[in-house]
């Protein structure tokens, strides 16, 4: 029976901590975009990088040709 006197305050403290952390997460926008990280592995960044690299190479070549 004396164990209950210890476990009830611990349970109340853990519940209060969980509620506080939940509201902190909502306030700091942790739940704004839940699908972004899950879908980010499906997007290919290599194509964008090659397009940007080719554009920068074209700019460098035209600037060198102008000189």
Protein backbone atom coordinates (compact mmCIF):
# COMPACT_ATOMS: atom_id res chain seq x y z
CA UNK A 1 0.00 0.00 0.00
CA UNK A 2 2.88 2.38 0.68
CA UNK A 3 4.08 1.85 -2.89
CA UNK A 4 0.95 3.61 -4.15
CA UNK A 5 1.97 6.73 -2.21
CA UNK A 6 5.15 6.81 -4.29
CA UNK A 7 3.73 5.72 -7.64
CA UNK A 8 0.81 8.16 -7.77
CA UNK A 9 2.98 11.32 -7.50
CA UNK A 10 5.42 9.86 -10.04
CA UNK A 11 2.54 9.15 -12.43
CA UNK A 12 1.17 12.66 -11.96
CA UNK A 13 4.60 14.20 -12.59
CA UNK A 14 5.16 12.12 -15.73
CA UNK A 15 1.70 13.02 -17.02
CA UNK A 16 2.32 16.72 -16.39
CA UNK A 17 5.71 16.47 -18.09
CA UNK A 18 4.15 14.76 -21.12
CA UNK A 19 1.45 17.42 -21.40
CA UNK A 20 4.05 20.19 -21.09
CA UNK A 21 6.26 18.64 -23.77
CA UNK A 22 3.29 18.17 -26.09
CA UNK A 23 2.28 21.82 -25.81
CA UNK A 24 5.91 22.87 -26.25
CA UNK A 25 6.14 20.81 -29.45
CA UNK A 26 2.93 22.33 -30.81
CA UNK A 27 4.05 25.84 -29.89
CA UNK A 28 7.46 25.42 -31.54
CA UNK A 29 5.83 24.14 -34.78
CA UNK A 30 7.12 20.59 -34.57
CA UNK A 31 3.90 19.26 -36.10
CA UNK A 32 3.56 21.69 -39.02
CA UNK A 33 4.58 19.40 -41.86
CA UNK A 34 4.50 15.75 -40.90
CA UNK A 35 4.75 14.41 -44.45
CA UNK A 36 7.81 16.38 -45.58
CA UNK A 37 10.41 14.10 -44.04
CA UNK A 38 8.61 10.97 -45.16
CA UNK A 39 8.37 12.14 -48.75
CA UNK A 40 11.80 13.74 -48.94
CA UNK A 41 13.45 10.41 -49.71
CA UNK A 42 11.32 10.10 -52.83
CA UNK A 43 12.59 13.31 -54.43
CA UNK A 44 15.77 13.21 -56.46
CA UNK A 45 18.10 16.08 -55.75
CA UNK A 46 20.65 14.95 -58.35
CA UNK A 47 18.63 16.22 -61.30
CA UNK A 48 18.35 19.68 -59.78
CA UNK A 49 22.04 19.76 -59.02
CA UNK A 50 22.99 18.78 -62.57
CA UNK A 51 20.70 21.44 -64.02
CA UNK A 52 22.16 24.07 -61.71
CA UNK A 53 25.69 22.91 -62.45
CA UNK A 54 25.12 23.06 -66.20
CA UNK A 55 23.66 26.56 -65.89
CA UNK A 56 26.62 27.75 -63.85
CA UNK A 57 29.02 26.16 -66.36
CA UNK A 58 27.21 27.92 -69.22
CA UNK A 59 27.51 31.23 -67.38
CA UNK A 60 31.21 30.65 -66.76
CA UNK A 61 31.80 29.74 -70.41
CA UNK A 62 29.97 32.80 -71.70
CA UNK A 63 31.83 35.07 -69.31
CA UNK A 64 35.15 33.56 -70.40
CA UNK A 65 34.22 33.91 -74.07
CA UNK A 66 33.33 37.58 -73.53
CA UNK A 67 36.76 38.27 -72.01
